Amino acid sequence: MDCYSCNLESRQRSAVAIYRHCGAALCVDHKSEADSYRVGGMRYGCAHQESGGNGTET
């Protein structure tokens, strides 16, 4: 399974985790990015959705 965020960037990296908020497969780098994503000091939403996707795969 490939990383969802890398796929949006036309790269191919293997996923190591499934993000619990939306179910997107993420590589090591994007998992770390998603784990540290905060809005106003609180965890909220999915960081990778703002990079070009709506969180759903077709």
N, C-alpha and C. Protein backbone atom coordinates (compact mmCIF):
# COMPACT_ATOMS: atom_id res chain seq x y z
N MET A 1 0.86 -1.16 0.00
CA MET A 1 0.00 0.00 0.00
C MET A 1 0.91 1.23 0.00
N ASP A 2 0.57 2.23 -0.80
CA ASP A 2 1.36 3.45 -0.91
C ASP A 2 0.82 4.55 -0.01
N CYS A 3 1.70 5.49 0.34
CA CYS A 3 1.32 6.65 1.16
C CYS A 3 0.39 7.56 0.37
N TYR A 4 -0.71 7.94 0.99
CA TYR A 4 -1.70 8.82 0.35
C TYR A 4 -1.10 10.19 0.03
N SER A 5 -0.40 10.79 0.99
CA SER A 5 0.17 12.13 0.79
C SER A 5 1.26 12.12 -0.27
N CYS A 6 2.10 11.11 -0.28
CA CYS A 6 3.13 11.00 -1.30
C CYS A 6 2.50 10.84 -2.68
N ASN A 7 1.44 10.08 -2.75
CA ASN A 7 0.74 9.88 -4.01
C ASN A 7 0.21 11.21 -4.55
N LEU A 8 -0.25 12.09 -3.69
CA LEU A 8 -0.72 13.41 -4.12
C LEU A 8 0.43 14.24 -4.69
N GLU A 9 1.65 13.96 -4.23
CA GLU A 9 2.84 14.67 -4.69
C GLU A 9 3.54 13.93 -5.83
N SER A 10 2.88 12.94 -6.41
CA SER A 10 3.41 12.12 -7.51
C SER A 10 4.69 11.38 -7.11
N ARG A 11 4.77 10.97 -5.85
CA ARG A 11 5.87 10.14 -5.37
C ARG A 11 5.29 8.80 -4.93
N GLN A 12 6.15 7.81 -4.80
CA GLN A 12 5.69 6.50 -4.36
C GLN A 12 6.54 6.03 -3.19
N ARG A 13 5.92 5.94 -2.01
CA ARG A 13 6.57 5.41 -0.81
C ARG A 13 5.59 4.47 -0.13
N SER A 14 6.12 3.46 0.48
CA SER A 14 5.27 2.48 1.17
C SER A 14 4.70 3.07 2.44
N ALA A 15 3.46 2.77 2.70
CA ALA A 15 2.79 3.22 3.93
C ALA A 15 3.20 2.34 5.09
N VAL A 16 3.31 2.94 6.27
CA VAL A 16 3.65 2.19 7.48
C VAL A 16 2.52 2.25 8.51
N ALA A 17 1.53 3.10 8.26
CA ALA A 17 0.44 3.26 9.23
C ALA A 17 -0.82 3.76 8.53
N ILE A 18 -1.94 3.53 9.18
CA ILE A 18 -3.23 4.05 8.72
C ILE A 18 -3.63 5.14 9.71
N TYR A 19 -3.89 6.35 9.21
CA TYR A 19 -4.23 7.47 10.09
C TYR A 19 -5.61 7.26 10.69
N ARG A 20 -5.70 7.35 11.99
CA ARG A 20 -6.93 6.97 12.70
C ARG A 20 -8.11 7.90 12.45
N HIS A 21 -7.86 9.14 12.05
CA HIS A 21 -8.96 10.09 11.89
C HIS A 21 -9.70 9.94 10.56
N CYS A 22 -8.98 9.53 9.52
CA CYS A 22 -9.65 9.44 8.21
C CYS A 22 -9.34 8.15 7.45
N GLY A 23 -8.40 7.35 7.93
CA GLY A 23 -8.11 6.08 7.28
C GLY A 23 -7.10 6.15 6.15
N ALA A 24 -6.42 7.30 5.98
CA ALA A 24 -5.42 7.42 4.92
C ALA A 24 -4.16 6.65 5.30
N ALA A 25 -3.55 5.97 4.33
CA ALA A 25 -2.28 5.27 4.54
C ALA A 25 -1.16 6.30 4.46
N LEU A 26 -0.23 6.27 5.44
CA LEU A 26 0.84 7.26 5.49
C LEU A 26 2.21 6.60 5.65
N CYS A 27 3.24 7.22 5.05
CA CYS A 27 4.62 6.78 5.21
C CYS A 27 5.15 7.31 6.54
N VAL A 28 6.39 6.97 6.87
CA VAL A 28 6.99 7.39 8.14
C VAL A 28 7.00 8.92 8.27
N ASP A 29 7.43 9.62 7.22
CA ASP A 29 7.52 11.08 7.28
C ASP A 29 6.15 11.73 7.46
N HIS A 30 5.17 11.29 6.69
CA HIS A 30 3.84 11.90 6.80
C HIS A 30 3.11 11.48 8.08
N LYS A 31 3.44 10.32 8.62
CA LYS A 31 2.86 9.93 9.91
C LYS A 31 3.35 10.86 11.01
N SER A 32 4.65 11.14 11.02
CA SER A 32 5.21 12.07 12.00
C SER A 32 4.59 13.46 11.86
N GLU A 33 4.42 13.89 10.63
CA GLU A 33 3.81 15.19 10.36
C GLU A 33 2.36 15.22 10.87
N ALA A 34 1.62 14.17 10.61
CA ALA A 34 0.22 14.10 11.05
C ALA A 34 0.11 14.03 12.57
N ASP A 35 1.04 13.31 13.21
CA ASP A 35 1.02 13.21 14.67
C ASP A 35 1.30 14.54 15.36
N SER A 36 2.07 15.41 14.70
CA SER A 36 2.43 16.68 15.32
C SER A 36 1.52 17.83 14.89
N TYR A 37 0.54 17.57 14.03
CA TYR A 37 -0.35 18.62 13.53
C TYR A 37 -1.25 19.15 14.64
N ARG A 38 -1.22 20.45 14.82
CA ARG A 38 -2.05 21.09 15.85
C ARG A 38 -2.61 22.40 15.30
N VAL A 39 -3.81 22.74 15.73
CA VAL A 39 -4.44 24.01 15.42
C VAL A 39 -4.77 24.67 16.74
N GLY A 40 -4.17 25.82 17.01
CA GLY A 40 -4.42 26.51 18.27
C GLY A 40 -4.00 25.70 19.48
N GLY A 41 -2.97 24.86 19.34
CA GLY A 41 -2.48 24.05 20.45
C GLY A 41 -3.23 22.75 20.67
N MET A 42 -4.27 22.49 19.89
CA MET A 42 -5.07 21.27 20.05
C MET A 42 -4.97 20.43 18.78
N ARG A 43 -5.03 19.13 18.94
CA ARG A 43 -5.09 18.25 17.77
C ARG A 43 -6.47 18.38 17.14
N TYR A 44 -6.46 18.61 15.84
CA TYR A 44 -7.73 18.80 15.16
C TYR A 44 -7.58 18.46 13.69
N GLY A 45 -8.38 17.56 13.21
CA GLY A 45 -8.43 17.25 11.79
C GLY A 45 -7.23 16.50 11.27
N CYS A 46 -7.06 16.56 9.97
CA CYS A 46 -6.01 15.82 9.28
C CYS A 46 -5.10 16.79 8.54
N ALA A 47 -3.84 16.78 8.89
CA ALA A 47 -2.88 17.69 8.25
C ALA A 47 -2.71 17.38 6.76
N HIS A 48 -2.74 16.12 6.40
CA HIS A 48 -2.49 15.74 5.01
C HIS A 48 -3.64 16.10 4.08
N GLN A 49 -4.83 16.34 4.58
CA GLN A 49 -5.95 16.72 3.72
C GLN A 49 -5.76 18.11 3.12
N GLU A 50 -5.11 19.01 3.86
CA GLU A 50 -4.90 20.36 3.36
C GLU A 50 -3.89 20.42 2.24
N SER A 51 -3.10 19.37 2.05
CA SER A 51 -2.06 19.39 1.03
C SER A 51 -2.59 19.04 -0.37
N GLY A 52 -3.89 18.93 -0.53
CA GLY A 52 -4.40 18.74 -1.86
C GLY A 52 -5.51 17.72 -2.01
N GLY A 53 -5.88 17.06 -0.96
CA GLY A 53 -6.93 16.05 -1.06
C GLY A 53 -8.09 16.39 -0.16
N ASN A 54 -9.16 15.64 -0.31
CA ASN A 54 -10.32 15.85 0.55
C ASN A 54 -10.50 14.70 1.53
N GLY A 55 -9.50 13.81 1.59
CA GLY A 55 -9.55 12.72 2.55
C GLY A 55 -10.27 11.48 2.07
N THR A 56 -10.79 11.51 0.86
CA THR A 56 -11.46 10.33 0.34
C THR A 56 -10.75 9.85 -0.90
N GLU A 57 -10.69 8.56 -1.07
CA GLU A 57 -10.09 8.00 -2.27
C GLU A 57 -11.19 7.48 -3.18
N THR A 58 -10.93 7.58 -4.48
CA THR A 58 -11.92 7.09 -5.43
C THR A 58 -11.40 5.91 -6.19
